[in-house]
Amino acid sequence: MFRTSRPWLDHLASDSYLSRREFERVYGATFRGAHFQQLGYAHGLVWRKQANT
């Protein structure tokens, strides 16, 4: 039922995805030192929080 609900259909109609390049630019700026990994059809970010020194 949810896949045909008006809110879900509105979401699908307006949804937009970042390109891989834009994803890396936006999230790379937020998560300094992160590296990116291709996961088949998906693109992942790997980041480790630095210990406070």
PDB file of N, CA and C in Angstrom:
ATOM      1  N   MET A   1       0.814  -1.189   0.000  1.00  0.00           N
ATOM      2  CA  MET A   1       0.000   0.000   0.000  1.00  0.00           C
ATOM      3  C   MET A   1       0.868   1.268   0.000  1.00  0.00           C
ATOM      4  N   PHE A   2       1.992   1.213   0.730  1.00  0.00           N
ATOM      5  CA  PHE A   2       2.818   2.415   0.811  1.00  0.00           C
ATOM      6  C   PHE A   2       3.414   2.788  -0.544  1.00  0.00           C
ATOM      7  N   ARG A   3       3.702   1.809  -1.403  1.00  0.00           N
ATOM      8  CA  ARG A   3       4.308   2.094  -2.711  1.00  0.00           C
ATOM      9  C   ARG A   3       3.366   2.838  -3.655  1.00  0.00           C
ATOM     10  N   THR A   4       2.108   2.877  -3.336  1.00  0.00           N
ATOM     11  CA  THR A   4       1.156   3.620  -4.162  1.00  0.00           C
ATOM     12  C   THR A   4       0.548   4.805  -3.407  1.00  0.00           C
ATOM     13  N   SER A   5       1.071   5.080  -2.221  1.00  0.00           N
ATOM     14  CA  SER A   5       0.531   6.205  -1.447  1.00  0.00           C
ATOM     15  C   SER A   5       0.970   7.529  -2.079  1.00  0.00           C
ATOM     16  N   ARG A   6       0.175   8.539  -1.946  1.00  0.00           N
ATOM     17  CA  ARG A   6       0.468   9.856  -2.523  1.00  0.00           C
ATOM     18  C   ARG A   6       1.806  10.406  -2.021  1.00  0.00           C
ATOM     19  N   PRO A   7       2.107  10.368  -0.703  1.00  0.00           N
ATOM     20  CA  PRO A   7       3.405  10.903  -0.258  1.00  0.00           C
ATOM     21  C   PRO A   7       4.594  10.172  -0.900  1.00  0.00           C
ATOM     22  N   TRP A   8       4.513   8.873  -1.039  1.00  0.00           N
ATOM     23  CA  TRP A   8       5.602   8.112  -1.652  1.00  0.00           C
ATOM     24  C   TRP A   8       5.743   8.454  -3.129  1.00  0.00           C
ATOM     25  N   LEU A   9       4.644   8.528  -3.853  1.00  0.00           N
ATOM     26  CA  LEU A   9       4.692   8.875  -5.270  1.00  0.00           C
ATOM     27  C   LEU A   9       5.215  10.297  -5.476  1.00  0.00           C
ATOM     28  N   ASP A  10       4.841  11.229  -4.595  1.00  0.00           N
ATOM     29  CA  ASP A  10       5.365  12.592  -4.670  1.00  0.00           C
ATOM     30  C   ASP A  10       6.878  12.598  -4.445  1.00  0.00           C
ATOM     31  N   HIS A  11       7.316  11.801  -3.498  1.00  0.00           N
ATOM     32  CA  HIS A  11       8.750  11.684  -3.217  1.00  0.00           C
ATOM     33  C   HIS A  11       9.489  11.162  -4.455  1.00  0.00           C
ATOM     34  N   LEU A  12       8.984  10.114  -5.073  1.00  0.00           N
ATOM     35  CA  LEU A  12       9.631   9.549  -6.256  1.00  0.00           C
ATOM     36  C   LEU A  12       9.691  10.551  -7.403  1.00  0.00           C
ATOM     37  N   ALA A  13       8.641  11.315  -7.561  1.00  0.00           N
ATOM     38  CA  ALA A  13       8.572  12.282  -8.661  1.00  0.00           C
ATOM     39  C   ALA A  13       9.551  13.435  -8.465  1.00  0.00           C
ATOM     40  N   SER A  14       9.854  13.783  -7.225  1.00  0.00           N
ATOM     41  CA  SER A  14      10.712  14.936  -6.960  1.00  0.00           C
ATOM     42  C   SER A  14      12.130  14.554  -6.547  1.00  0.00           C
ATOM     43  N   ASP A  15      12.390  13.289  -6.364  1.00  0.00           N
ATOM     44  CA  ASP A  15      13.698  12.838  -5.888  1.00  0.00           C
ATOM     45  C   ASP A  15      14.768  13.097  -6.940  1.00  0.00           C
ATOM     46  N   SER A  16      15.926  13.536  -6.511  1.00  0.00           N
ATOM     47  CA  SER A  16      17.057  13.683  -7.421  1.00  0.00           C
ATOM     48  C   SER A  16      18.297  13.153  -6.721  1.00  0.00           C
ATOM     49  N   TYR A  17      19.201  12.597  -7.490  1.00  0.00           N
ATOM     50  CA  TYR A  17      20.388  11.979  -6.933  1.00  0.00           C
ATOM     51  C   TYR A  17      21.625  12.777  -7.326  1.00  0.00           C
ATOM     52  N   LEU A  18      22.609  12.778  -6.446  1.00  0.00           N
ATOM     53  CA  LEU A  18      23.875  13.415  -6.753  1.00  0.00           C
ATOM     54  C   LEU A  18      24.671  12.509  -7.690  1.00  0.00           C
ATOM     55  N   SER A  19      25.438  13.112  -8.575  1.00  0.00           N
ATOM     56  CA  SER A  19      26.384  12.326  -9.364  1.00  0.00           C
ATOM     57  C   SER A  19      27.467  11.832  -8.405  1.00  0.00           C
ATOM     58  N   ARG A  20      28.238  10.865  -8.813  1.00  0.00           N
ATOM     59  CA  ARG A  20      29.321  10.384  -7.948  1.00  0.00           C
ATOM     60  C   ARG A  20      30.296  11.512  -7.633  1.00  0.00           C
ATOM     61  N   ARG A  21      30.594  12.315  -8.629  1.00  0.00           N
ATOM     62  CA  ARG A  21      31.518  13.437  -8.430  1.00  0.00           C
ATOM     63  C   ARG A  21      30.963  14.423  -7.403  1.00  0.00           C
ATOM     64  N   GLU A  22      29.689  14.768  -7.532  1.00  0.00           N
ATOM     65  CA  GLU A  22      29.057  15.700  -6.605  1.00  0.00           C
ATOM     66  C   GLU A  22      28.948  15.084  -5.206  1.00  0.00           C
ATOM     67  N   PHE A  23      28.624  13.801  -5.118  1.00  0.00           N
ATOM     68  CA  PHE A  23      28.575  13.078  -3.837  1.00  0.00           C
ATOM     69  C   PHE A  23      29.915  13.202  -3.120  1.00  0.00           C
ATOM     70  N   GLU A  24      31.008  12.954  -3.851  1.00  0.00           N
ATOM     71  CA  GLU A  24      32.338  13.033  -3.253  1.00  0.00           C
ATOM     72  C   GLU A  24      32.683  14.462  -2.841  1.00  0.00           C
ATOM     73  N   ARG A  25      32.282  15.437  -3.625  1.00  0.00           N
ATOM     74  CA  ARG A  25      32.564  16.833  -3.283  1.00  0.00           C
ATOM     75  C   ARG A  25      31.823  17.238  -2.011  1.00  0.00           C
ATOM     76  N   VAL A  26      30.527  16.949  -1.963  1.00  0.00           N
ATOM     77  CA  VAL A  26      29.703  17.359  -0.826  1.00  0.00           C
ATOM     78  C   VAL A  26      30.106  16.615   0.453  1.00  0.00           C
ATOM     79  N   TYR A  27      30.155  15.294   0.387  1.00  0.00           N
ATOM     80  CA  TYR A  27      30.429  14.521   1.595  1.00  0.00           C
ATOM     81  C   TYR A  27      31.906  14.508   1.953  1.00  0.00           C
ATOM     82  N   GLY A  28      32.780  14.663   0.961  1.00  0.00           N
ATOM     83  CA  GLY A  28      34.211  14.777   1.249  1.00  0.00           C
ATOM     84  C   GLY A  28      34.531  16.035   2.028  1.00  0.00           C
ATOM     85  N   ALA A  29      33.793  17.118   1.771  1.00  0.00           N
ATOM     86  CA  ALA A  29      33.994  18.371   2.508  1.00  0.00           C
ATOM     87  C   ALA A  29      33.534  18.243   3.958  1.00  0.00           C
ATOM     88  N   THR A  30      32.527  17.433   4.187  1.00  0.00           N
ATOM     89  CA  THR A  30      31.994  17.253   5.538  1.00  0.00           C
ATOM     90  C   THR A  30      32.805  16.247   6.337  1.00  0.00           C
ATOM     91  N   PHE A  31      33.202  15.161   5.691  1.00  0.00           N
ATOM     92  CA  PHE A  31      33.936  14.081   6.358  1.00  0.00           C
ATOM     93  C   PHE A  31      35.375  14.084   5.859  1.00  0.00           C
ATOM     94  N   ARG A  32      36.178  14.997   6.396  1.00  0.00           N
ATOM     95  CA  ARG A  32      37.574  15.135   5.989  1.00  0.00           C
ATOM     96  C   ARG A  32      38.325  13.825   6.192  1.00  0.00           C
ATOM     97  N   GLY A  33      39.111  13.449   5.185  1.00  0.00           N
ATOM     98  CA  GLY A  33      39.892  12.228   5.266  1.00  0.00           C
ATOM     99  C   GLY A  33      39.129  10.984   4.829  1.00  0.00           C
ATOM    100  N   ALA A  34      37.887  11.153   4.416  1.00  0.00           N
ATOM    101  CA  ALA A  34      37.094   9.999   3.977  1.00  0.00           C
ATOM    102  C   ALA A  34      37.611   9.486   2.643  1.00  0.00           C
ATOM    103  N   HIS A  35      37.373   8.220   2.383  1.00  0.00           N
ATOM    104  CA  HIS A  35      37.628   7.712   1.038  1.00  0.00           C
ATOM    105  C   HIS A  35      36.348   7.064   0.531  1.00  0.00           C
ATOM    106  N   PHE A  36      36.266   6.989  -0.761  1.00  0.00           N
ATOM    107  CA  PHE A  36      35.039   6.551  -1.413  1.00  0.00           C
ATOM    108  C   PHE A  36      35.280   5.215  -2.087  1.00  0.00           C
ATOM    109  N   GLN A  37      34.243   4.419  -2.112  1.00  0.00           N
ATOM    110  CA  GLN A  37      34.361   3.055  -2.599  1.00  0.00           C
ATOM    111  C   GLN A  37      33.158   2.717  -3.467  1.00  0.00           C
ATOM    112  N   GLN A  38      33.435   2.140  -4.627  1.00  0.00           N
ATOM    113  CA  GLN A  38      32.340   1.680  -5.486  1.00  0.00           C
ATOM    114  C   GLN A  38      31.836   0.355  -4.961  1.00  0.00           C
ATOM    115  N   LEU A  39      30.530   0.239  -4.850  1.00  0.00           N
ATOM    116  CA  LEU A  39      29.879  -0.951  -4.311  1.00  0.00           C
ATOM    117  C   LEU A  39      28.857  -1.455  -5.326  1.00  0.00           C
ATOM    118  N   GLY A  40      29.333  -1.842  -6.484  1.00  0.00           N
ATOM    119  CA  GLY A  40      28.412  -2.240  -7.539  1.00  0.00           C
ATOM    120  C   GLY A  40      27.684  -1.017  -8.051  1.00  0.00           C
ATOM    121  N   TYR A  41      26.365  -0.996  -7.917  1.00  0.00           N
ATOM    122  CA  TYR A  41      25.572   0.137  -8.380  1.00  0.00           C
ATOM    123  C   TYR A  41      25.599   1.304  -7.389  1.00  0.00           C
ATOM    124  N   ALA A  42      26.087   1.075  -6.181  1.00  0.00           N
ATOM    125  CA  ALA A  42      26.105   2.104  -5.136  1.00  0.00           C
ATOM    126  C   ALA A  42      27.513   2.679  -4.984  1.00  0.00           C
ATOM    127  N   HIS A  43      27.600   3.777  -4.292  1.00  0.00           N
ATOM    128  CA  HIS A  43      28.869   4.450  -4.038  1.00  0.00           C
ATOM    129  C   HIS A  43      28.922   4.711  -2.542  1.00  0.00           C
ATOM    130  N   GLY A  44      29.969   4.252  -1.877  1.00  0.00           N
ATOM    131  CA  GLY A  44      30.027   4.368  -0.430  1.00  0.00           C
ATOM    132  C   GLY A  44      31.128   5.298   0.048  1.00  0.00           C
ATOM    133  N   LEU A  45      30.985   5.748   1.271  1.00  0.00           N
ATOM    134  CA  LEU A  45      31.949   6.605   1.934  1.00  0.00           C
ATOM    135  C   LEU A  45      32.444   5.856   3.163  1.00  0.00           C
ATOM    136  N   VAL A  46      33.762   5.840   3.340  1.00  0.00           N
ATOM    137  CA  VAL A  46      34.358   5.231   4.527  1.00  0.00           C
ATOM    138  C   VAL A  46      35.108   6.333   5.261  1.00  0.00           C
ATOM    139  N   TRP A  47      34.778   6.504   6.536  1.00  0.00           N
ATOM    140  CA  TRP A  47      35.382   7.580   7.329  1.00  0.00           C
ATOM    141  C   TRP A  47      35.574   7.087   8.740  1.00  0.00           C
ATOM    142  N   ARG A  48      36.709   7.411   9.297  1.00  0.00           N
ATOM    143  CA  ARG A  48      36.980   7.076  10.696  1.00  0.00           C
ATOM    144  C   ARG A  48      37.201   8.375  11.469  1.00  0.00           C
ATOM    145  N   LYS A  49      36.450   8.514  12.520  1.00  0.00           N
ATOM    146  CA  LYS A  49      36.598   9.702  13.361  1.00  0.00           C
ATOM    147  C   LYS A  49      37.960   9.654  14.033  1.00  0.00           C
ATOM    148  N   GLN A  50      38.666  10.760  13.991  1.00  0.00           N
ATOM    149  CA  GLN A  50      39.967  10.856  14.638  1.00  0.00           C
ATOM    150  C   GLN A  50      39.790  10.986  16.144  1.00  0.00           C
ATOM    151  N   ALA A  51      40.637  10.300  16.888  1.00  0.00           N
ATOM    152  CA  ALA A  51      40.597  10.415  18.347  1.00  0.00           C
ATOM    153  C   ALA A  51      41.020  11.814  18.748  1.00  0.00           C
ATOM    154  N   ASN A  52      40.387  12.346  19.776  1.00  0.00           N
ATOM    155  CA  ASN A  52      40.774  13.669  20.275  1.00  0.00           C
ATOM    156  C   ASN A  52      42.154  13.585  20.891  1.00  0.00           C
ATOM    157  N   THR A  53      43.014  14.486  20.485  1.00  0.00           N
ATOM    158  CA  THR A  53      44.376  14.469  21.038  1.00  0.00           C
ATOM    159  C   THR A  53      44.664  15.709  21.800  1.00  0.00           C
TER     160      THR A  53
END
